[in-house]
């Protein structure tokens, strides 16, 4: 196990030197930058698509609640009871 700990800094150092050497050419820099921007755009599109799906699911459920969804019914019940408890605490102190 100690041998692995001693080799790890050298591996990182080697990867760093290889990266710097690779980036010394302008054509390599441009390739990396365009690849980065392409990956960023794909990730943003995927995230946006995923977020729209979640929003649509929430809107569908909000418009048509399922009476057999126990967790959702419990949440609504707790929300309704909270107001009553708050009112009783304020009025009866």
N, C-alpha and C. Protein backbone atom coordinates (compact mmCIF):
# COMPACT_ATOMS: atom_id res chain seq x y z
N UNK A 1 0.82 -1.19 0.00
CA UNK A 1 0.00 0.00 0.00
C UNK A 1 0.87 1.26 0.00
N UNK A 2 1.98 1.25 0.68
CA UNK A 2 2.85 2.42 0.71
C UNK A 2 3.50 2.64 -0.65
N UNK A 3 3.69 1.57 -1.39
CA UNK A 3 4.28 1.70 -2.71
C UNK A 3 3.36 2.50 -3.63
N UNK A 4 2.04 2.26 -3.53
CA UNK A 4 1.07 2.98 -4.34
C UNK A 4 1.08 4.47 -3.98
N UNK A 5 1.19 4.77 -2.71
CA UNK A 5 1.22 6.17 -2.29
C UNK A 5 2.46 6.88 -2.80
N UNK A 6 3.55 6.18 -2.94
CA UNK A 6 4.78 6.79 -3.42
C UNK A 6 4.77 7.00 -4.93
N UNK A 7 4.04 6.19 -5.68
CA UNK A 7 4.01 6.27 -7.14
C UNK A 7 2.99 7.31 -7.62
N UNK A 8 1.93 7.54 -6.88
CA UNK A 8 0.84 8.41 -7.30
C UNK A 8 1.31 9.82 -7.67
N UNK A 9 2.14 10.50 -6.89
CA UNK A 9 2.57 11.84 -7.30
C UNK A 9 3.34 11.85 -8.62
N UNK A 10 4.09 10.80 -8.87
CA UNK A 10 4.84 10.73 -10.12
C UNK A 10 3.91 10.53 -11.32
N UNK A 11 2.85 9.77 -11.12
CA UNK A 11 1.88 9.58 -12.19
C UNK A 11 1.20 10.90 -12.52
N UNK A 12 0.77 11.63 -11.51
CA UNK A 12 0.14 12.93 -11.74
C UNK A 12 1.11 13.90 -12.40
N UNK A 13 2.33 13.88 -11.97
CA UNK A 13 3.35 14.74 -12.56
C UNK A 13 3.55 14.41 -14.04
N UNK A 14 3.60 13.12 -14.37
CA UNK A 14 3.75 12.69 -15.76
C UNK A 14 2.57 13.09 -16.62
N UNK A 15 1.37 12.95 -16.07
CA UNK A 15 0.17 13.35 -16.81
C UNK A 15 0.18 14.86 -17.02
N UNK A 16 0.60 15.62 -16.03
CA UNK A 16 0.68 17.08 -16.17
C UNK A 16 1.67 17.49 -17.24
N UNK A 17 2.83 16.87 -17.25
CA UNK A 17 3.84 17.20 -18.26
C UNK A 17 3.34 16.82 -19.65
N UNK A 18 2.69 15.67 -19.77
CA UNK A 18 2.14 15.25 -21.07
C UNK A 18 1.08 16.23 -21.54
N UNK A 19 0.24 16.70 -20.63
CA UNK A 19 -0.79 17.67 -20.99
C UNK A 19 -0.19 18.98 -21.45
N UNK A 20 0.80 19.48 -20.74
CA UNK A 20 1.45 20.74 -21.13
C UNK A 20 2.14 20.58 -22.48
N UNK A 21 2.81 19.46 -22.68
CA UNK A 21 3.48 19.21 -23.95
C UNK A 21 2.47 19.14 -25.09
N UNK A 22 1.34 18.50 -24.84
CA UNK A 22 0.30 18.38 -25.86
C UNK A 22 -0.29 19.74 -26.21
N UNK A 23 -0.41 20.63 -25.22
CA UNK A 23 -1.03 21.94 -25.45
C UNK A 23 -0.08 22.98 -26.03
N UNK A 24 1.16 22.64 -26.24
CA UNK A 24 2.08 23.64 -26.79
C UNK A 24 1.76 23.98 -28.25
N UNK A 25 1.14 23.07 -28.97
CA UNK A 25 0.74 23.34 -30.36
C UNK A 25 -0.61 24.04 -30.38
N UNK A 26 -0.74 25.04 -31.23
CA UNK A 26 -2.00 25.78 -31.32
C UNK A 26 -3.14 24.91 -31.87
N UNK A 27 -2.83 24.02 -32.79
CA UNK A 27 -3.88 23.17 -33.36
C UNK A 27 -4.48 22.26 -32.29
N UNK A 28 -3.65 21.79 -31.38
CA UNK A 28 -4.15 20.95 -30.29
C UNK A 28 -5.03 21.77 -29.34
N UNK A 29 -4.63 23.01 -29.08
CA UNK A 29 -5.43 23.88 -28.21
C UNK A 29 -6.81 24.10 -28.81
N UNK A 30 -6.84 24.37 -30.11
CA UNK A 30 -8.12 24.61 -30.78
C UNK A 30 -9.01 23.37 -30.75
N UNK A 31 -8.41 22.19 -30.95
CA UNK A 31 -9.18 20.96 -30.89
C UNK A 31 -9.80 20.76 -29.51
N UNK A 32 -9.00 21.00 -28.50
CA UNK A 32 -9.50 20.81 -27.13
C UNK A 32 -10.59 21.83 -26.81
N UNK A 33 -10.41 23.06 -27.24
CA UNK A 33 -11.42 24.09 -26.97
C UNK A 33 -12.72 23.78 -27.69
N UNK A 34 -12.64 23.38 -28.97
CA UNK A 34 -13.87 23.04 -29.70
C UNK A 34 -14.54 21.79 -29.11
N UNK A 35 -13.75 20.82 -28.69
CA UNK A 35 -14.32 19.63 -28.06
C UNK A 35 -15.00 20.00 -26.74
N UNK A 36 -14.38 20.87 -25.98
CA UNK A 36 -14.96 21.32 -24.71
C UNK A 36 -16.29 22.02 -24.95
N UNK A 37 -16.33 22.92 -25.93
CA UNK A 37 -17.57 23.66 -26.22
C UNK A 37 -18.66 22.72 -26.74
N UNK A 38 -18.28 21.75 -27.56
CA UNK A 38 -19.26 20.78 -28.06
C UNK A 38 -19.84 19.96 -26.92
N UNK A 39 -18.98 19.47 -26.04
CA UNK A 39 -19.46 18.69 -24.90
C UNK A 39 -20.33 19.52 -23.96
N UNK A 40 -19.96 20.78 -23.80
CA UNK A 40 -20.73 21.68 -22.94
C UNK A 40 -22.13 21.90 -23.52
N UNK A 41 -22.22 22.12 -24.84
CA UNK A 41 -23.52 22.32 -25.48
C UNK A 41 -24.39 21.07 -25.36
N UNK A 42 -23.79 19.89 -25.57
CA UNK A 42 -24.55 18.64 -25.45
C UNK A 42 -25.05 18.45 -24.03
N UNK A 43 -24.21 18.75 -23.06
CA UNK A 43 -24.61 18.60 -21.66
C UNK A 43 -25.74 19.57 -21.31
N UNK A 44 -25.65 20.78 -21.81
CA UNK A 44 -26.70 21.77 -21.52
C UNK A 44 -28.02 21.36 -22.18
N UNK A 45 -27.97 20.85 -23.41
CA UNK A 45 -29.19 20.40 -24.09
C UNK A 45 -29.82 19.22 -23.34
N UNK A 46 -28.97 18.29 -22.89
CA UNK A 46 -29.47 17.14 -22.15
C UNK A 46 -30.12 17.60 -20.85
N UNK A 47 -29.46 18.51 -20.14
CA UNK A 47 -30.00 19.01 -18.87
C UNK A 47 -31.32 19.74 -19.09
N UNK A 48 -31.38 20.55 -20.15
CA UNK A 48 -32.60 21.30 -20.45
C UNK A 48 -33.75 20.34 -20.78
N UNK A 49 -33.45 19.31 -21.58
CA UNK A 49 -34.47 18.33 -21.94
C UNK A 49 -34.97 17.59 -20.71
N UNK A 50 -34.05 17.21 -19.84
CA UNK A 50 -34.40 16.49 -18.61
C UNK A 50 -35.25 17.38 -17.69
N UNK A 51 -34.88 18.66 -17.60
CA UNK A 51 -35.59 19.59 -16.73
C UNK A 51 -37.01 19.83 -17.25
N UNK A 52 -37.18 19.92 -18.57
CA UNK A 52 -38.51 20.12 -19.15
C UNK A 52 -39.40 18.92 -18.85
N UNK A 53 -38.82 17.71 -18.92
CA UNK A 53 -39.60 16.50 -18.65
C UNK A 53 -40.07 16.49 -17.20
N UNK A 54 -39.20 16.87 -16.28
CA UNK A 54 -39.58 16.90 -14.87
C UNK A 54 -40.68 17.93 -14.64
N UNK A 55 -40.55 19.10 -15.26
CA UNK A 55 -41.57 20.14 -15.11
C UNK A 55 -42.91 19.68 -15.66
N UNK A 56 -42.89 19.01 -16.80
CA UNK A 56 -44.14 18.52 -17.38
C UNK A 56 -44.78 17.47 -16.49
N UNK A 57 -43.98 16.58 -15.91
CA UNK A 57 -44.51 15.56 -15.01
C UNK A 57 -45.16 16.20 -13.79
N UNK A 58 -44.53 17.22 -13.25
CA UNK A 58 -45.08 17.90 -12.08
C UNK A 58 -46.38 18.60 -12.44
N UNK A 59 -46.44 19.25 -13.58
CA UNK A 59 -47.66 19.95 -13.99
C UNK A 59 -48.81 18.97 -14.25
N UNK A 60 -48.49 17.83 -14.83
CA UNK A 60 -49.54 16.84 -15.08
C UNK A 60 -50.09 16.32 -13.75
N UNK A 61 -49.19 16.03 -12.81
CA UNK A 61 -49.63 15.52 -11.52
C UNK A 61 -50.40 16.58 -10.74
N UNK A 62 -49.99 17.83 -10.85
CA UNK A 62 -50.67 18.90 -10.12
C UNK A 62 -52.09 19.11 -10.67
N UNK A 63 -52.26 18.94 -11.96
CA UNK A 63 -53.57 19.14 -12.56
C UNK A 63 -54.52 18.00 -12.32
N UNK A 64 -54.01 16.79 -12.17
CA UNK A 64 -54.84 15.60 -11.99
C UNK A 64 -54.27 14.74 -10.86
N UNK A 65 -54.55 15.10 -9.61
CA UNK A 65 -53.98 14.32 -8.51
C UNK A 65 -54.58 12.91 -8.46
N UNK A 66 -53.77 11.97 -8.08
CA UNK A 66 -54.19 10.58 -7.97
C UNK A 66 -54.70 10.32 -6.56
N UNK A 67 -55.95 9.90 -6.40
CA UNK A 67 -56.47 9.68 -5.05
C UNK A 67 -55.81 8.50 -4.33
N UNK A 68 -55.15 7.63 -5.08
CA UNK A 68 -54.50 6.47 -4.47
C UNK A 68 -53.02 6.68 -4.20
N UNK A 69 -52.54 7.90 -4.43
CA UNK A 69 -51.14 8.22 -4.14
C UNK A 69 -51.06 8.62 -2.66
N UNK A 70 -50.69 7.66 -1.82
CA UNK A 70 -50.73 7.84 -0.37
C UNK A 70 -49.78 8.95 0.09
N UNK A 71 -48.56 8.97 -0.45
CA UNK A 71 -47.58 9.97 -0.02
C UNK A 71 -48.05 11.39 -0.36
N UNK A 72 -48.62 11.56 -1.55
CA UNK A 72 -49.10 12.88 -1.94
C UNK A 72 -50.28 13.30 -1.07
N UNK A 73 -51.17 12.36 -0.79
CA UNK A 73 -52.32 12.68 0.06
C UNK A 73 -51.88 13.04 1.47
N UNK A 74 -50.87 12.34 1.98
CA UNK A 74 -50.35 12.64 3.31
C UNK A 74 -49.74 14.04 3.35
N UNK A 75 -49.03 14.41 2.27
CA UNK A 75 -48.42 15.73 2.22
C UNK A 75 -49.49 16.82 2.22
N UNK A 76 -50.54 16.63 1.46
CA UNK A 76 -51.64 17.61 1.42
C UNK A 76 -52.32 17.68 2.78
N UNK A 77 -52.50 16.54 3.42
CA UNK A 77 -53.12 16.49 4.74
C UNK A 77 -52.30 17.25 5.76
N UNK A 78 -50.98 17.03 5.75
CA UNK A 78 -50.11 17.73 6.69
C UNK A 78 -50.13 19.24 6.43
N UNK A 79 -50.19 19.63 5.17
CA UNK A 79 -50.24 21.05 4.84
C UNK A 79 -51.52 21.70 5.33
N UNK A 80 -52.63 20.98 5.22
CA UNK A 80 -53.91 21.51 5.69
C UNK A 80 -53.95 21.61 7.20
N UNK A 81 -53.39 20.65 7.89
CA UNK A 81 -53.40 20.64 9.36
C UNK A 81 -52.48 21.71 9.92
N UNK A 82 -51.41 22.03 9.21
CA UNK A 82 -50.46 23.03 9.69
C UNK A 82 -51.16 24.37 9.94
N UNK A 83 -52.02 24.76 9.03
CA UNK A 83 -52.73 26.05 9.18
C UNK A 83 -53.61 26.03 10.43
N UNK A 84 -54.28 24.93 10.66
CA UNK A 84 -55.17 24.82 11.82
C UNK A 84 -54.36 24.90 13.11
N UNK A 85 -53.25 24.20 13.18
CA UNK A 85 -52.39 24.25 14.36
C UNK A 85 -51.84 25.65 14.59
N UNK A 86 -51.44 26.31 13.54
CA UNK A 86 -50.91 27.67 13.66
C UNK A 86 -51.98 28.61 14.19
N UNK A 87 -53.19 28.50 13.67
CA UNK A 87 -54.29 29.35 14.11
C UNK A 87 -54.61 29.08 15.59
N UNK A 88 -54.63 27.82 15.96
CA UNK A 88 -54.95 27.48 17.35
C UNK A 88 -53.87 27.99 18.31
N UNK A 89 -52.61 27.93 17.91
CA UNK A 89 -51.54 28.43 18.76
C UNK A 89 -51.63 29.94 18.93
N UNK A 90 -51.97 30.65 17.89
CA UNK A 90 -52.07 32.12 17.96
C UNK A 90 -53.28 32.55 18.78
N UNK A 91 -54.39 31.85 18.63
CA UNK A 91 -55.62 32.25 19.32
C UNK A 91 -55.63 31.80 20.78
N UNK A 92 -55.09 30.61 21.04
CA UNK A 92 -55.17 30.07 22.38
C UNK A 92 -53.83 30.14 23.11
N UNK A 93 -52.81 30.64 22.44
CA UNK A 93 -51.51 30.95 22.96
C UNK A 93 -50.82 29.96 23.73
